[in-house]
Amino acid sequence: MSGQASTATRHTAGDYAALLSEVRAAGLLRRRYGYYAVKITANLVALSGAWVAFAFLGDSWWQLMIAAFLAIVFAQLAFIGHDAGHKQIFRTRRPNDIVGTVHGGLVGMSYRWWITGHNRHHANPNHEEHDPDLDIPALAFTSRQARLKSGFLRWMAKHQAVLFFPLLTLEGINLHVSGIRAVWRGDTKARRLEGALLTAHLLGYLTAVFLVLSPGVAVLFILVHQALWGVYMGCSFAPNHKGMPTMTGQSVDFLRRQVLTSRNVRGGRLTDFVLGGLNYQIEHHLFPSMPRPHLRHAQPIVRRFCAKHGISYSQTGVLRSYRHVLEHLHDMGAPLRAADRARAT
């Protein structure tokens, strides 16, 4: 029996090696310096333009349009930080970390804190014990998590499908607060640098908003900007794994672990832009350091390979992906709602 298991392990490990060889032969792991230079420059121009327009508009309700635009720009900047964290831009760690840390400072979040947790997610996607993306107190992604909820969190779990998008409006604030907390506790590398960047962002942001805008408009500007940024970030990451099979203690090879727990979102270049390439979640998980523009070219190779080896490959449309998420959250809360109804009768 052990000999058969050993043979199966070598066979499945060989599957990934064969796929990697095909992808590398297609030139899809080479760097795309020109692409990222244009992308980063365009983002910085958009960010600068937004703040120039903010200064010229002055104390006006039209500033809420700037707030909405800044939410988009912040998400695009965060996507660059994500790519840097996976070494998609440069081959070595140091220049990627410089780019990521600066972009984290621009949006007011700790790059080092975020990428540490995100790498843990990549190592164990949708694993109930080891994936930090499944460890969200306000939500229950598995039936076991739902059973363990109590008090107010249990009420939230019962209605989490309805509460999901409203909760995303808080994600921007959560990224700020979590980053500040991590830096304060010393849980990140480059603590002083990130602390300085986060402080500069917070002071600069609040000073600009309250200096130019009246108090009421300023507060509304912040709420709109942070809420829309949070929704954008949540909508970019949520469809990728939620509602896909979860892992507990079982051991599967790297290729199947990444493919079976991930979902692609179908679309064209507009979808690629809006979701920052995260719509190719399967390919991204299989080849984290692959530059973003190469993911769309890797997709047919990976899908063909999975079909040949009988590996389930999940891909759906944009709206359908969110429906999958909401249906899963609704199903996880169903036993709690049923238990309440039973007690009531």
C-alpha atoms as a PDB file:
ATOM      1  CA  MET A   1       0.000   0.000   0.000  1.00  0.00           C
ATOM      2  CA  SER A   2       2.757   2.462   0.920  1.00  0.00           C
ATOM      3  CA  GLY A   3       4.497   1.679  -2.361  1.00  0.00           C
ATOM      4  CA  GLN A   4       1.309   2.552  -4.259  1.00  0.00           C
ATOM      5  CA  ALA A   5       0.951   5.830  -2.320  1.00  0.00           C
ATOM      6  CA  SER A   6       4.567   6.719  -3.064  1.00  0.00           C
ATOM      7  CA  THR A   7       4.035   6.054  -6.756  1.00  0.00           C
ATOM      8  CA  ALA A   8       0.872   8.200  -6.779  1.00  0.00           C
ATOM      9  CA  THR A   9       2.720  11.038  -5.067  1.00  0.00           C
ATOM     10  CA  ARG A  10       5.518  10.959  -7.615  1.00  0.00           C
ATOM     11  CA  HIS A  11       2.942  10.832 -10.412  1.00  0.00           C
ATOM     12  CA  THR A  12       0.998  13.880  -9.213  1.00  0.00           C
ATOM     13  CA  ALA A  13       4.192  15.814  -8.490  1.00  0.00           C
ATOM     14  CA  GLY A  14       5.255  15.005 -12.028  1.00  0.00           C
ATOM     15  CA  ASP A  15       1.993  16.512 -13.297  1.00  0.00           C
ATOM     16  CA  TYR A  16       2.926  19.942 -11.972  1.00  0.00           C
ATOM     17  CA  ALA A  17       6.487  19.631 -13.261  1.00  0.00           C
ATOM     18  CA  ALA A  18       5.141  18.855 -16.725  1.00  0.00           C
ATOM     19  CA  LEU A  19       2.752  21.830 -16.625  1.00  0.00           C
ATOM     20  CA  LEU A  20       5.490  24.134 -15.356  1.00  0.00           C
ATOM     21  CA  SER A  21       7.775  23.011 -18.152  1.00  0.00           C
ATOM     22  CA  GLU A  22       5.104  23.792 -20.758  1.00  0.00           C
ATOM     23  CA  VAL A  23       4.430  27.230 -19.293  1.00  0.00           C
ATOM     24  CA  ARG A  24       8.116  28.057 -19.072  1.00  0.00           C
ATOM     25  CA  ALA A  25       8.670  26.933 -22.675  1.00  0.00           C
ATOM     26  CA  ALA A  26       5.937  29.367 -23.731  1.00  0.00           C
ATOM     27  CA  GLY A  27       7.958  32.208 -22.171  1.00  0.00           C
ATOM     28  CA  LEU A  28       5.244  33.075 -19.672  1.00  0.00           C
ATOM     29  CA  LEU A  29       7.557  33.357 -16.656  1.00  0.00           C
ATOM     30  CA  ARG A  30       9.790  36.062 -18.157  1.00  0.00           C
ATOM     31  CA  ARG A  31       9.566  39.542 -16.591  1.00  0.00           C
ATOM     32  CA  ARG A  32       7.485  42.330 -18.146  1.00  0.00           C
ATOM     33  CA  TYR A  33       9.355  45.452 -17.035  1.00  0.00           C
ATOM     34  CA  GLY A  34       7.822  47.667 -19.706  1.00  0.00           C
ATOM     35  CA  TYR A  35       4.278  46.668 -18.778  1.00  0.00           C
ATOM     36  CA  TYR A  36       4.791  47.427 -15.102  1.00  0.00           C
ATOM     37  CA  ALA A  37       6.607  50.687 -15.831  1.00  0.00           C
ATOM     38  CA  VAL A  38       3.609  51.900 -17.850  1.00  0.00           C
ATOM     39  CA  LYS A  39       1.129  50.543 -15.298  1.00  0.00           C
ATOM     40  CA  ILE A  40       2.819  52.150 -12.301  1.00  0.00           C
ATOM     41  CA  THR A  41       3.282  55.462 -14.122  1.00  0.00           C
ATOM     42  CA  ALA A  42      -0.369  55.531 -15.198  1.00  0.00           C
ATOM     43  CA  ASN A  43      -1.517  54.823 -11.645  1.00  0.00           C
ATOM     44  CA  LEU A  44       0.665  57.578 -10.197  1.00  0.00           C
ATOM     45  CA  VAL A  45      -0.560  60.044 -12.827  1.00  0.00           C
ATOM     46  CA  ALA A  46      -4.161  59.122 -11.981  1.00  0.00           C
ATOM     47  CA  LEU A  47      -3.477  59.535  -8.255  1.00  0.00           C
ATOM     48  CA  SER A  48      -1.802  62.925  -8.756  1.00  0.00           C
ATOM     49  CA  GLY A  49      -4.541  64.068 -11.115  1.00  0.00           C
ATOM     50  CA  ALA A  50      -7.234  63.131  -8.613  1.00  0.00           C
ATOM     51  CA  TRP A  51      -5.641  65.187  -5.846  1.00  0.00           C
ATOM     52  CA  VAL A  52      -5.033  68.154  -8.192  1.00  0.00           C
ATOM     53  CA  ALA A  53      -8.711  68.051  -9.196  1.00  0.00           C
ATOM     54  CA  PHE A  54      -9.587  67.780  -5.498  1.00  0.00           C
ATOM     55  CA  ALA A  55      -7.666  70.988  -4.769  1.00  0.00           C
ATOM     56  CA  PHE A  56      -9.247  72.888  -7.670  1.00  0.00           C
ATOM     57  CA  LEU A  57     -12.812  71.817  -6.880  1.00  0.00           C
ATOM     58  CA  GLY A  58     -12.653  73.104  -3.326  1.00  0.00           C
ATOM     59  CA  ASP A  59     -15.555  72.736  -0.935  1.00  0.00           C
ATOM     60  CA  SER A  60     -18.081  71.129  -3.281  1.00  0.00           C
ATOM     61  CA  TRP A  61     -20.380  68.133  -3.280  1.00  0.00           C
ATOM     62  CA  TRP A  62     -18.755  67.217  -6.610  1.00  0.00           C
ATOM     63  CA  GLN A  63     -15.867  66.031  -4.491  1.00  0.00           C
ATOM     64  CA  LEU A  64     -17.792  62.791  -3.968  1.00  0.00           C
ATOM     65  CA  MET A  65     -16.981  61.978  -7.595  1.00  0.00           C
ATOM     66  CA  ILE A  66     -13.301  62.402  -6.741  1.00  0.00           C
ATOM     67  CA  ALA A  67     -13.815  60.110  -3.750  1.00  0.00           C
ATOM     68  CA  ALA A  68     -15.266  57.416  -6.021  1.00  0.00           C
ATOM     69  CA  PHE A  69     -12.412  57.829  -8.514  1.00  0.00           C
ATOM     70  CA  LEU A  70      -9.834  57.598  -5.725  1.00  0.00           C
ATOM     71  CA  ALA A  71     -11.400  54.305  -4.618  1.00  0.00           C
ATOM     72  CA  ILE A  72     -10.603  52.904  -8.068  1.00  0.00           C
ATOM     73  CA  VAL A  73      -7.079  54.341  -8.023  1.00  0.00           C
ATOM     74  CA  PHE A  74      -6.389  52.967  -4.540  1.00  0.00           C
ATOM     75  CA  ALA A  75      -7.442  49.484  -5.684  1.00  0.00           C
ATOM     76  CA  GLN A  76      -5.179  49.683  -8.734  1.00  0.00           C
ATOM     77  CA  LEU A  77      -2.279  50.749  -6.521  1.00  0.00           C
ATOM     78  CA  ALA A  78      -3.025  47.858  -4.170  1.00  0.00           C
ATOM     79  CA  PHE A  79      -2.947  45.447  -7.117  1.00  0.00           C
ATOM     80  CA  ILE A  80       0.605  46.588  -7.873  1.00  0.00           C
ATOM     81  CA  GLY A  81       1.514  45.918  -4.239  1.00  0.00           C
ATOM     82  CA  HIS A  82       0.013  42.454  -4.600  1.00  0.00           C
ATOM     83  CA  ASP A  83       2.074  41.760  -7.727  1.00  0.00           C
ATOM     84  CA  ALA A  84       5.234  43.018  -6.028  1.00  0.00           C
ATOM     85  CA  GLY A  85       4.588  40.727  -3.079  1.00  0.00           C
ATOM     86  CA  HIS A  86       4.620  37.735  -5.423  1.00  0.00           C
ATOM     87  CA  LYS A  87       7.781  38.901  -7.235  1.00  0.00           C
ATOM     88  CA  GLN A  88       5.872  39.392 -10.455  1.00  0.00           C
ATOM     89  CA  ILE A  89       7.647  42.669 -11.270  1.00  0.00           C
ATOM     90  CA  PHE A  90      11.336  41.950 -10.556  1.00  0.00           C
ATOM     91  CA  ARG A  91      13.127  38.639 -10.182  1.00  0.00           C
ATOM     92  CA  THR A  92      14.612  39.376  -6.758  1.00  0.00           C
ATOM     93  CA  ARG A  93      12.853  40.157  -3.498  1.00  0.00           C
ATOM     94  CA  ARG A  94      14.385  43.526  -2.567  1.00  0.00           C
ATOM     95  CA  PRO A  95      13.177  45.716  -5.480  1.00  0.00           C
ATOM     96  CA  ASN A  96       9.737  44.100  -5.301  1.00  0.00           C
ATOM     97  CA  ASP A  97       9.537  44.869  -1.593  1.00  0.00           C
ATOM     98  CA  ILE A  98      10.513  48.485  -2.232  1.00  0.00           C
ATOM     99  CA  VAL A  99       7.728  48.875  -4.798  1.00  0.00           C
ATOM    100  CA  GLY A 100       5.247  47.076  -2.560  1.00  0.00           C
ATOM    101  CA  THR A 101       6.124  49.070   0.554  1.00  0.00           C
ATOM    102  CA  VAL A 102       5.811  52.396  -1.276  1.00  0.00           C
ATOM    103  CA  HIS A 103       2.464  51.425  -2.784  1.00  0.00           C
ATOM    104  CA  GLY A 104       1.256  50.278   0.612  1.00  0.00           C
ATOM    105  CA  GLY A 105       2.169  53.679   1.990  1.00  0.00           C
ATOM    106  CA  LEU A 106       0.284  55.419  -0.826  1.00  0.00           C
ATOM    107  CA  VAL A 107      -2.978  53.710   0.111  1.00  0.00           C
ATOM    108  CA  GLY A 108      -2.341  53.641   3.866  1.00  0.00           C
ATOM    109  CA  MET A 109      -1.867  49.933   4.499  1.00  0.00           C
ATOM    110  CA  SER A 110       1.025  47.797   5.673  1.00  0.00           C
ATOM    111  CA  TYR A 111       2.415  45.908   2.693  1.00  0.00           C
ATOM    112  CA  ARG A 112       4.562  43.650   4.884  1.00  0.00           C
ATOM    113  CA  TRP A 113       1.648  42.688   7.133  1.00  0.00           C
ATOM    114  CA  TRP A 114      -0.690  42.023   4.226  1.00  0.00           C
ATOM    115  CA  ILE A 115       1.680  39.991   2.077  1.00  0.00           C
ATOM    116  CA  THR A 116       2.665  37.777   5.042  1.00  0.00           C
ATOM    117  CA  GLY A 117      -0.955  36.733   5.521  1.00  0.00           C
ATOM    118  CA  HIS A 118      -1.549  36.488   1.791  1.00  0.00           C
ATOM    119  CA  ASN A 119       1.383  34.120   1.338  1.00  0.00           C
ATOM    120  CA  ARG A 120      -0.052  31.903   4.077  1.00  0.00           C
ATOM    121  CA  HIS A 121      -3.275  31.850   2.078  1.00  0.00           C
ATOM    122  CA  HIS A 122      -1.398  30.785  -1.057  1.00  0.00           C
ATOM    123  CA  ALA A 123       0.286  27.941   0.804  1.00  0.00           C
ATOM    124  CA  ASN A 124      -3.042  26.567   2.056  1.00  0.00           C
ATOM    125  CA  PRO A 125      -5.941  28.004   0.030  1.00  0.00           C
ATOM    126  CA  ASN A 126      -9.362  27.329   1.533  1.00  0.00           C
ATOM    127  CA  HIS A 127      -7.836  25.224   4.308  1.00  0.00           C
ATOM    128  CA  GLU A 128     -10.085  25.509   7.331  1.00  0.00           C
ATOM    129  CA  GLU A 129      -7.238  25.580   9.846  1.00  0.00           C
ATOM    130  CA  HIS A 130      -4.452  27.305   7.939  1.00  0.00           C
ATOM    131  CA  ASP A 131      -5.936  29.817   5.496  1.00  0.00           C
ATOM    132  CA  PRO A 132      -6.213  33.264   7.165  1.00  0.00           C
ATOM    133  CA  ASP A 133      -8.763  34.285   4.524  1.00  0.00           C
ATOM    134  CA  LEU A 134     -11.201  31.827   6.112  1.00  0.00           C
ATOM    135  CA  ASP A 135     -10.584  33.221   9.589  1.00  0.00           C
ATOM    136  CA  ILE A 136     -13.011  36.145   9.556  1.00  0.00           C
ATOM    137  CA  PRO A 137     -15.033  36.403  12.787  1.00  0.00           C
ATOM    138  CA  ALA A 138     -18.038  38.095  11.165  1.00  0.00           C
ATOM    139  CA  LEU A 139     -18.510  35.313   8.583  1.00  0.00           C
ATOM    140  CA  ALA A 140     -18.807  31.523   8.536  1.00  0.00           C
ATOM    141  CA  PHE A 141     -17.319  29.872   5.444  1.00  0.00           C
ATOM    142  CA  THR A 142     -17.727  26.273   6.656  1.00  0.00           C
ATOM    143  CA  SER A 143     -20.421  24.415   8.566  1.00  0.00           C
ATOM    144  CA  ARG A 144     -17.975  23.898  11.439  1.00  0.00           C
ATOM    145  CA  GLN A 145     -17.346  27.633  11.706  1.00  0.00           C
ATOM    146  CA  ALA A 146     -21.097  28.258  11.687  1.00  0.00           C
ATOM    147  CA  ARG A 147     -21.682  25.790  14.559  1.00  0.00           C
ATOM    148  CA  LEU A 148     -19.048  27.493  16.702  1.00  0.00           C
ATOM    149  CA  LYS A 149     -20.605  30.959  16.387  1.00  0.00           C
ATOM    150  CA  SER A 150     -22.373  32.414  19.400  1.00  0.00           C
ATOM    151  CA  GLY A 151     -24.052  35.644  20.424  1.00  0.00           C
ATOM    152  CA  PHE A 152     -23.987  38.518  17.949  1.00  0.00           C
ATOM    153  CA  LEU A 153     -21.572  36.687  15.640  1.00  0.00           C
ATOM    154  CA  ARG A 154     -24.071  33.839  15.402  1.00  0.00           C
ATOM    155  CA  TRP A 155     -26.771  36.297  14.345  1.00  0.00           C
ATOM    156  CA  MET A 156     -24.422  37.713  11.720  1.00  0.00           C
ATOM    157  CA  ALA A 157     -23.620  34.222  10.424  1.00  0.00           C
ATOM    158  CA  LYS A 158     -27.339  33.496  10.021  1.00  0.00           C
ATOM    159  CA  HIS A 159     -27.776  36.548   7.807  1.00  0.00           C
ATOM    160  CA  GLN A 160     -24.285  36.748   6.316  1.00  0.00           C
ATOM    161  CA  ALA A 161     -25.419  36.500   2.697  1.00  0.00           C
ATOM    162  CA  VAL A 162     -27.470  39.677   3.148  1.00  0.00           C
ATOM    163  CA  LEU A 163     -24.765  41.374   5.193  1.00  0.00           C
ATOM    164  CA  PHE A 164     -21.864  40.445   2.901  1.00  0.00           C
ATOM    165  CA  PHE A 165     -21.748  43.506   0.658  1.00  0.00           C
ATOM    166  CA  PRO A 166     -22.530  45.974   3.485  1.00  0.00           C
ATOM    167  CA  LEU A 167     -19.640  44.430   5.444  1.00  0.00           C
ATOM    168  CA  LEU A 168     -17.311  45.013   2.494  1.00  0.00           C
ATOM    169  CA  THR A 169     -17.766  48.761   2.964  1.00  0.00           C
ATOM    170  CA  LEU A 170     -15.686  48.353   6.129  1.00  0.00           C
ATOM    171  CA  GLU A 171     -12.832  46.482   4.426  1.00  0.00           C
ATOM    172  CA  GLY A 172     -10.911  49.657   3.569  1.00  0.00           C
ATOM    173  CA  ILE A 173     -10.966  50.779   7.183  1.00  0.00           C
ATOM    174  CA  ASN A 174     -10.003  47.263   8.262  1.00  0.00           C
ATOM    175  CA  LEU A 175      -6.922  47.341   6.018  1.00  0.00           C
ATOM    176  CA  HIS A 176      -5.840  50.663   7.542  1.00  0.00           C
ATOM    177  CA  VAL A 177      -6.442  49.609  11.150  1.00  0.00           C
ATOM    178  CA  SER A 178      -4.923  46.139  10.785  1.00  0.00           C
ATOM    179  CA  GLY A 179      -1.790  47.581   9.205  1.00  0.00           C
ATOM    180  CA  ILE A 180      -1.392  50.202  11.916  1.00  0.00           C
ATOM    181  CA  ARG A 181      -1.932  47.568  14.617  1.00  0.00           C
ATOM    182  CA  ALA A 182       0.673  45.260  13.052  1.00  0.00           C
ATOM    183  CA  VAL A 183       3.258  48.055  12.849  1.00  0.00           C
ATOM    184  CA  TRP A 184       2.497  49.183  16.401  1.00  0.00           C
ATOM    185  CA  ARG A 185       2.994  45.646  17.730  1.00  0.00           C
ATOM    186  CA  GLY A 186       6.154  45.133  15.722  1.00  0.00           C
ATOM    187  CA  ASP A 187       4.655  42.266  13.742  1.00  0.00           C
ATOM    188  CA  THR A 188       6.178  43.441  10.456  1.00  0.00           C
ATOM    189  CA  LYS A 189       9.634  43.891   9.016  1.00  0.00           C
ATOM    190  CA  ALA A 190      10.717  47.451   8.193  1.00  0.00           C
ATOM    191  CA  ARG A 191       8.574  48.596  11.103  1.00  0.00           C
ATOM    192  CA  ARG A 192       9.994  52.119  11.254  1.00  0.00           C
ATOM    193  CA  LEU A 193       9.697  52.700   7.523  1.00  0.00           C
ATOM    194  CA  GLU A 194       6.136  51.430   7.338  1.00  0.00           C
ATOM    195  CA  GLY A 195       5.236  53.333  10.482  1.00  0.00           C
ATOM    196  CA  ALA A 196       6.534  56.550   8.915  1.00  0.00           C
ATOM    197  CA  LEU A 197       4.677  55.879   5.655  1.00  0.00           C
ATOM    198  CA  LEU A 198       1.394  55.073   7.406  1.00  0.00           C
ATOM    199  CA  THR A 199       1.687  58.157   9.621  1.00  0.00           C
ATOM    200  CA  ALA A 200       2.454  60.374   6.633  1.00  0.00           C
ATOM    201  CA  HIS A 201      -0.500  58.941   4.727  1.00  0.00           C
ATOM    202  CA  LEU A 202      -2.942  59.389   7.603  1.00  0.00           C
ATOM    203  CA  LEU A 203      -1.848  62.929   8.456  1.00  0.00           C
ATOM    204  CA  GLY A 204      -1.610  64.020   4.816  1.00  0.00           C
ATOM    205  CA  TYR A 205      -4.976  62.523   3.897  1.00  0.00           C
ATOM    206  CA  LEU A 206      -6.905  63.972   6.853  1.00  0.00           C
ATOM    207  CA  THR A 207      -5.175  67.356   6.592  1.00  0.00           C
ATOM    208  CA  ALA A 208      -6.019  67.688   2.894  1.00  0.00           C
ATOM    209  CA  VAL A 209      -9.627  66.609   3.327  1.00  0.00           C
ATOM    210  CA  PHE A 210     -10.448  68.807   6.334  1.00  0.00           C
ATOM    211  CA  LEU A 211      -8.413  71.755   5.062  1.00  0.00           C
ATOM    212  CA  VAL A 212     -10.217  71.926   1.717  1.00  0.00           C
ATOM    213  CA  LEU A 213     -13.687  70.688   2.660  1.00  0.00           C
ATOM    214  CA  SER A 214     -16.228  71.758   5.254  1.00  0.00           C
ATOM    215  CA  PRO A 215     -16.614  69.228   8.091  1.00  0.00           C
ATOM    216  CA  GLY A 216     -19.802  67.624   6.764  1.00  0.00           C
ATOM    217  CA  VAL A 217     -18.528  67.220   3.215  1.00  0.00           C
ATOM    218  CA  ALA A 218     -15.153  66.037   4.532  1.00  0.00           C
ATOM    219  CA  VAL A 219     -16.695  63.248   6.600  1.00  0.00           C
ATOM    220  CA  LEU A 220     -18.898  62.171   3.704  1.00  0.00           C
ATOM    221  CA  PHE A 221     -15.901  62.242   1.338  1.00  0.00           C
ATOM    222  CA  ILE A 222     -13.981  59.907   3.640  1.00  0.00           C
ATOM    223  CA  LEU A 223     -16.951  57.566   4.062  1.00  0.00           C
ATOM    224  CA  VAL A 224     -17.611  57.315   0.321  1.00  0.00           C
ATOM    225  CA  HIS A 225     -13.936  56.870  -0.548  1.00  0.00           C
ATOM    226  CA  GLN A 226     -13.177  54.239   2.078  1.00  0.00           C
ATOM    227  CA  ALA A 227     -16.461  52.361   1.600  1.00  0.00           C
ATOM    228  CA  LEU A 228     -16.107  52.105  -2.182  1.00  0.00           C
ATOM    229  CA  TRP A 229     -12.454  51.123  -1.905  1.00  0.00           C
ATOM    230  CA  GLY A 230     -13.413  48.389   0.560  1.00  0.00           C
ATOM    231  CA  VAL A 231     -16.172  47.085  -1.712  1.00  0.00           C
ATOM    232  CA  TYR A 232     -13.817  47.142  -4.712  1.00  0.00           C
ATOM    233  CA  MET A 233     -11.113  45.203  -2.870  1.00  0.00           C
ATOM    234  CA  GLY A 234     -13.597  42.709  -1.453  1.00  0.00           C
ATOM    235  CA  CYS A 235     -15.261  42.160  -4.822  1.00  0.00           C
ATOM    236  CA  SER A 236     -11.855  41.539  -6.395  1.00  0.00           C
ATOM    237  CA  PHE A 237     -10.818  38.827  -3.945  1.00  0.00           C
ATOM    238  CA  ALA A 238     -14.093  37.213  -2.786  1.00  0.00           C
ATOM    239  CA  PRO A 239     -15.031  35.325  -5.997  1.00  0.00           C
ATOM    240  CA  ASN A 240     -11.652  33.588  -6.150  1.00  0.00           C
ATOM    241  CA  HIS A 241     -12.186  30.889  -3.492  1.00  0.00           C
ATOM    242  CA  LYS A 242     -15.431  31.414  -1.589  1.00  0.00           C
ATOM    243  CA  GLY A 243     -17.863  28.624  -2.325  1.00  0.00           C
ATOM    244  CA  MET A 244     -15.097  26.361  -3.620  1.00  0.00           C
ATOM    245  CA  PRO A 245     -14.155  23.090  -1.826  1.00  0.00           C
ATOM    246  CA  THR A 246     -12.461  23.576   1.525  1.00  0.00           C
ATOM    247  CA  MET A 247      -9.568  21.524   2.856  1.00  0.00           C
ATOM    248  CA  THR A 248      -9.256  20.174   6.387  1.00  0.00           C
ATOM    249  CA  GLY A 249      -6.632  17.552   7.099  1.00  0.00           C
ATOM    250  CA  GLN A 250      -6.456  15.774   3.764  1.00  0.00           C
ATOM    251  CA  SER A 251      -3.246  15.869   1.784  1.00  0.00           C
ATOM    252  CA  VAL A 252      -3.332  16.510  -1.957  1.00  0.00           C
ATOM    253  CA  ASP A 253      -0.550  17.516  -4.275  1.00  0.00           C
ATOM    254  CA  PHE A 254       0.259  21.161  -4.981  1.00  0.00           C
ATOM    255  CA  LEU A 255      -1.369  21.295  -8.418  1.00  0.00           C
ATOM    256  CA  ARG A 256      -4.704  19.866  -7.310  1.00  0.00           C
ATOM    257  CA  ARG A 257      -4.717  21.828  -4.059  1.00  0.00           C
ATOM    258  CA  GLN A 258      -4.441  25.086  -5.995  1.00  0.00           C
ATOM    259  CA  VAL A 259      -6.785  24.240  -8.875  1.00  0.00           C
ATOM    260  CA  LEU A 260      -9.599  22.569  -6.939  1.00  0.00           C
ATOM    261  CA  THR A 261      -9.935  25.400  -4.402  1.00  0.00           C
ATOM    262  CA  SER A 262      -9.774  28.281  -6.918  1.00  0.00           C
ATOM    263  CA  ARG A 263     -12.258  29.807  -9.346  1.00  0.00           C
ATOM    264  CA  ASN A 264     -11.571  31.853 -12.457  1.00  0.00           C
ATOM    265  CA  VAL A 265     -13.825  34.703 -13.554  1.00  0.00           C
ATOM    266  CA  ARG A 266     -14.513  34.763 -17.270  1.00  0.00           C
ATOM    267  CA  GLY A 267     -14.103  38.041 -19.175  1.00  0.00           C
ATOM    268  CA  GLY A 268     -11.991  40.097 -21.537  1.00  0.00           C
ATOM    269  CA  ARG A 269      -9.376  42.782 -21.082  1.00  0.00           C
ATOM    270  CA  LEU A 270     -11.777  45.062 -19.204  1.00  0.00           C
ATOM    271  CA  THR A 271     -12.300  42.322 -16.609  1.00  0.00           C
ATOM    272  CA  ASP A 272      -8.526  41.825 -16.466  1.00  0.00           C
ATOM    273  CA  PHE A 273      -8.099  45.530 -15.691  1.00  0.00           C
ATOM    274  CA  VAL A 274     -10.933  45.834 -13.187  1.00  0.00           C
ATOM    275  CA  LEU A 275      -9.935  42.720 -11.229  1.00  0.00           C
ATOM    276  CA  GLY A 276      -6.198  43.270 -11.527  1.00  0.00           C
ATOM    277  CA  GLY A 277      -5.615  39.882 -13.124  1.00  0.00           C
ATOM    278  CA  LEU A 278      -7.098  38.104 -10.107  1.00  0.00           C
ATOM    279  CA  ASN A 279      -9.787  36.738 -12.397  1.00  0.00           C
ATOM    280  CA  TYR A 280      -7.135  34.196 -13.471  1.00  0.00           C
ATOM    281  CA  GLN A 281      -6.993  32.876  -9.942  1.00  0.00           C
ATOM    282  CA  ILE A 282      -6.146  29.294 -10.877  1.00  0.00           C
ATOM    283  CA  GLU A 283      -3.163  30.319 -12.988  1.00  0.00           C
ATOM    284  CA  HIS A 284      -2.073  32.846 -10.378  1.00  0.00           C
ATOM    285  CA  HIS A 285      -2.090  30.209  -7.637  1.00  0.00           C
ATOM    286  CA  LEU A 286      -0.196  27.733  -9.768  1.00  0.00           C
ATOM    287  CA  PHE A 287       2.420  30.314 -10.809  1.00  0.00           C
ATOM    288  CA  PRO A 288       2.369  33.162  -8.220  1.00  0.00           C
ATOM    289  CA  SER A 289       5.414  34.919  -9.704  1.00  0.00           C
ATOM    290  CA  MET A 290       4.003  34.968 -13.232  1.00  0.00           C
ATOM    291  CA  PRO A 291       3.637  38.601 -14.435  1.00  0.00           C
ATOM    292  CA  ARG A 292       0.034  39.715 -14.591  1.00  0.00           C
ATOM    293  CA  PRO A 293      -0.236  40.159 -18.395  1.00  0.00           C
ATOM    294  CA  HIS A 294       0.911  36.566 -18.959  1.00  0.00           C
ATOM    295  CA  LEU A 295      -1.892  35.005 -16.914  1.00  0.00           C
ATOM    296  CA  ARG A 296      -4.420  35.262 -19.744  1.00  0.00           C
ATOM    297  CA  HIS A 297      -1.998  33.413 -22.038  1.00  0.00           C
ATOM    298  CA  ALA A 298      -1.369  30.696 -19.454  1.00  0.00           C
ATOM    299  CA  GLN A 299      -5.085  30.097 -18.976  1.00  0.00           C
ATOM    300  CA  PRO A 300      -5.742  27.942 -22.091  1.00  0.00           C
ATOM    301  CA  ILE A 301      -2.593  25.905 -21.386  1.00  0.00           C
ATOM    302  CA  VAL A 302      -3.675  25.180 -17.806  1.00  0.00           C
ATOM    303  CA  ARG A 303      -7.269  24.455 -18.736  1.00  0.00           C
ATOM    304  CA  ARG A 304      -6.226  22.029 -21.478  1.00  0.00           C
ATOM    305  CA  PHE A 305      -3.794  20.329 -19.090  1.00  0.00           C
ATOM    306  CA  CYS A 306      -6.475  19.941 -16.408  1.00  0.00           C
ATOM    307  CA  ALA A 307      -8.946  18.476 -18.912  1.00  0.00           C
ATOM    308  CA  LYS A 308      -6.325  15.968 -20.054  1.00  0.00           C
ATOM    309  CA  HIS A 309      -5.623  14.845 -16.470  1.00  0.00           C
ATOM    310  CA  GLY A 310      -9.229  14.846 -15.257  1.00  0.00           C
ATOM    311  CA  ILE A 311      -8.810  17.773 -12.864  1.00  0.00           C
ATOM    312  CA  SER A 312     -11.918  19.890 -12.278  1.00  0.00           C
ATOM    313  CA  TYR A 313     -11.344  23.451 -13.560  1.00  0.00           C
ATOM    314  CA  SER A 314     -13.836  26.065 -12.337  1.00  0.00           C
ATOM    315  CA  GLN A 315     -14.607  29.151 -14.392  1.00  0.00           C
ATOM    316  CA  THR A 316     -17.694  31.342 -14.419  1.00  0.00           C
ATOM    317  CA  GLY A 317     -18.955  34.789 -15.382  1.00  0.00           C
ATOM    318  CA  VAL A 318     -18.587  37.870 -13.193  1.00  0.00           C
ATOM    319  CA  LEU A 319     -22.160  38.028 -11.895  1.00  0.00           C
ATOM    320  CA  ARG A 320     -22.362  34.285 -11.498  1.00  0.00           C
ATOM    321  CA  SER A 321     -19.179  34.323  -9.394  1.00  0.00           C
ATOM    322  CA  TYR A 322     -20.795  36.637  -6.849  1.00  0.00           C
ATOM    323  CA  ARG A 323     -23.933  34.516  -6.914  1.00  0.00           C
ATOM    324  CA  HIS A 324     -21.790  31.498  -5.991  1.00  0.00           C
ATOM    325  CA  VAL A 325     -20.345  33.451  -3.049  1.00  0.00           C
ATOM    326  CA  LEU A 326     -23.743  34.575  -1.765  1.00  0.00           C
ATOM    327  CA  GLU A 327     -25.296  31.125  -2.236  1.00  0.00           C
ATOM    328  CA  HIS A 328     -22.466  29.555  -0.256  1.00  0.00           C
ATOM    329  CA  LEU A 329     -22.801  32.065   2.580  1.00  0.00           C
ATOM    330  CA  HIS A 330     -26.573  31.550   2.596  1.00  0.00           C
ATOM    331  CA  ASP A 331     -26.149  27.767   2.775  1.00  0.00           C
ATOM    332  CA  MET A 332     -23.650  28.000   5.644  1.00  0.00           C
ATOM    333  CA  GLY A 333     -26.118  30.074   7.650  1.00  0.00           C
ATOM    334  CA  ALA A 334     -29.079  27.799   6.873  1.00  0.00           C
ATOM    335  CA  PRO A 335     -28.573  25.337   9.796  1.00  0.00           C
ATOM    336  CA  LEU A 336     -28.476  28.245  12.246  1.00  0.00           C
ATOM    337  CA  ARG A 337     -31.699  29.685  10.874  1.00  0.00           C
ATOM    338  CA  ALA A 338     -33.320  26.252  10.952  1.00  0.00           C
ATOM    339  CA  ALA A 339     -32.257  25.719  14.580  1.00  0.00           C
ATOM    340  CA  ASP A 340     -33.805  29.049  15.581  1.00  0.00           C
ATOM    341  CA  ARG A 341     -37.054  28.189  13.839  1.00  0.00           C
ATOM    342  CA  ALA A 342     -37.134  24.806  15.575  1.00  0.00           C
ATOM    343  CA  ARG A 343     -36.667  26.414  18.977  1.00  0.00           C
ATOM    344  CA  ALA A 344     -39.369  28.958  18.198  1.00  0.00           C
ATOM    345  CA  THR A 345     -41.899  26.191  17.521  1.00  0.00           C
END
